[in-house]
Amino acid sequence: QVQLVESGGGLVQPGGSLRLSCAASRIIFSHYLMGWYHQAPGKQRELVATITSGGTTNYADSVKGRFTISRDNVKNTVYLQLSSLKPEDTAVYYCNAYDPKQFIGYWGQGTQVTVSS
């Protein structure tokens, strides 16, 4: 069974930084478009960033210049570096793996990020 396991969330002050990790297992990692989404209380899940197997990235306007997505195709892991955090970044952050040829996608269980003083 495919597993995506996120880690690295927590409580951080405004202006601070965190690095989220998502370790994938039981998939051919290089076949998958990897992404991070977030969901704030009472809101829909929204795209944060995606990265192709070749390293092409895409970001939501709200995080451009502050967040960086990267991946390690040997370790089967995708990362999200969050910097200059704002209270409005508070959300559960979910890892997503999507195979655009097979139209198959998977979600992790989510990790909470709380930005507060």
Protein backbone atom coordinates (compact mmCIF):
# COMPACT_ATOMS: atom_id res chain seq x y z
CA GLN A 1 0.00 0.00 0.00
CA VAL A 2 1.28 3.44 -0.93
CA GLN A 3 2.34 5.58 2.00
CA LEU A 4 3.09 9.28 2.19
CA VAL A 5 4.32 10.30 5.63
CA GLU A 6 4.69 13.99 6.43
CA SER A 7 6.79 15.41 9.23
CA GLY A 8 8.24 18.72 10.37
CA GLY A 9 5.16 20.69 11.35
CA GLY A 10 4.86 22.62 14.57
CA LEU A 11 4.37 25.96 16.25
CA VAL A 12 6.48 28.86 15.01
CA GLN A 13 6.46 32.61 15.53
CA PRO A 14 5.63 35.02 12.71
CA GLY A 15 8.68 35.51 10.53
CA GLY A 16 10.04 32.09 11.44
CA SER A 17 10.83 29.06 9.32
CA LEU A 18 10.02 25.36 9.15
CA ARG A 19 10.93 22.53 6.81
CA LEU A 20 8.33 19.91 6.03
CA SER A 21 9.25 16.49 4.70
CA CYS A 22 7.16 13.84 2.98
CA ALA A 23 8.60 10.36 2.60
CA ALA A 24 6.96 8.17 -0.03
CA SER A 25 7.01 4.39 -0.14
CA ARG A 26 5.68 1.72 -2.48
CA ILE A 27 5.54 4.02 -5.51
CA ILE A 28 7.91 4.67 -8.38
CA PHE A 29 8.67 8.11 -7.03
CA SER A 30 10.16 9.50 -10.23
CA HIS A 31 6.85 8.88 -12.05
CA TYR A 32 4.95 11.20 -9.76
CA LEU A 33 4.26 14.89 -9.69
CA MET A 34 4.69 15.80 -6.03
CA GLY A 35 2.87 18.61 -4.32
CA TRP A 36 2.03 20.30 -1.06
CA TYR A 37 -1.45 21.58 -0.22
CA HIS A 38 -2.80 23.25 2.87
CA GLN A 39 -6.18 23.46 4.52
CA ALA A 40 -7.07 26.07 7.11
CA PRO A 41 -10.02 25.57 9.48
CA GLY A 42 -13.30 26.09 7.67
CA LYS A 43 -11.63 26.46 4.28
CA GLN A 44 -11.04 24.24 1.28
CA ARG A 45 -7.75 22.48 0.64
CA GLU A 46 -5.57 24.67 -1.58
CA LEU A 47 -2.48 24.13 -3.67
CA VAL A 48 0.76 25.45 -2.16
CA ALA A 49 3.41 24.14 -4.56
CA THR A 50 4.20 21.33 -6.97
CA ILE A 51 7.37 19.88 -8.43
CA THR A 52 7.85 17.56 -11.38
CA SER A 53 10.29 14.68 -11.42
CA GLY A 54 12.62 16.90 -13.42
CA GLY A 55 12.48 19.68 -10.86
CA THR A 56 10.09 22.15 -12.48
CA THR A 57 8.24 24.00 -9.74
CA ASN A 58 4.96 25.87 -9.44
CA TYR A 59 3.79 27.99 -6.50
CA ALA A 60 0.62 29.62 -5.29
CA ASP A 61 0.92 33.41 -5.50
CA SER A 62 0.52 33.69 -1.73
CA VAL A 63 3.75 31.77 -1.05
CA LYS A 64 6.01 32.82 -3.93
CA GLY A 65 9.34 34.04 -2.64
CA ARG A 66 8.71 32.59 0.84
CA PHE A 67 8.30 28.84 0.32
CA THR A 68 10.54 26.46 -1.62
CA ILE A 69 9.62 22.97 -2.76
CA SER A 70 12.30 20.40 -3.58
CA ARG A 71 12.58 16.66 -4.00
CA ASP A 72 15.16 13.91 -3.64
CA ASN A 73 14.42 11.14 -6.13
CA VAL A 74 16.91 8.82 -4.42
CA LYS A 75 15.40 9.22 -0.95
CA ASN A 76 11.83 9.28 -2.34
CA THR A 77 11.19 12.44 -0.36
CA VAL A 78 9.71 15.84 -1.13
CA TYR A 79 10.39 18.88 1.01
CA LEU A 80 8.74 22.23 1.62
CA GLN A 81 10.86 24.98 3.13
CA LEU A 82 8.60 27.59 4.72
CA SER A 83 10.16 30.97 5.47
CA SER A 84 8.89 34.39 6.52
CA LEU A 85 5.86 32.66 7.95
CA LYS A 86 2.66 34.59 8.56
CA PRO A 87 -0.31 33.79 10.82
CA GLU A 88 -2.39 33.18 7.69
CA ASP A 89 -0.07 30.29 6.79
CA THR A 90 -1.55 28.37 9.72
CA ALA A 91 -3.08 25.18 8.32
CA VAL A 92 -2.72 21.46 8.01
CA TYR A 93 -0.21 20.78 5.24
CA TYR A 94 -0.75 17.71 3.08
CA CYS A 95 1.62 15.94 0.75
CA ASN A 96 0.25 14.72 -2.58
CA ALA A 97 1.63 12.33 -5.17
CA TYR A 98 0.03 12.29 -8.63
CA ASP A 99 0.85 10.10 -11.61
CA PRO A 100 -0.33 12.10 -14.65
CA LYS A 101 -0.13 9.07 -16.97
CA GLN A 102 -2.13 6.69 -14.78
CA PHE A 103 -4.38 9.42 -13.27
CA ILE A 104 -3.66 8.08 -9.82
CA GLY A 105 -3.13 10.24 -6.76
CA TYR A 106 -2.36 9.74 -3.10
CA TRP A 107 -2.49 11.91 0.02
CA GLY A 108 -0.54 11.92 3.22
CA GLN A 109 -2.16 12.27 6.62
CA GLY A 110 -1.17 15.92 7.04
CA THR A 111 1.01 17.86 9.44
CA GLN A 112 -0.11 20.91 11.41
CA VAL A 113 1.68 24.22 10.99
CA THR A 114 0.71 26.96 13.42
CA VAL A 115 2.13 30.47 13.13
CA SER A 116 1.48 32.48 16.25
CA SER A 117 3.26 34.71 18.73
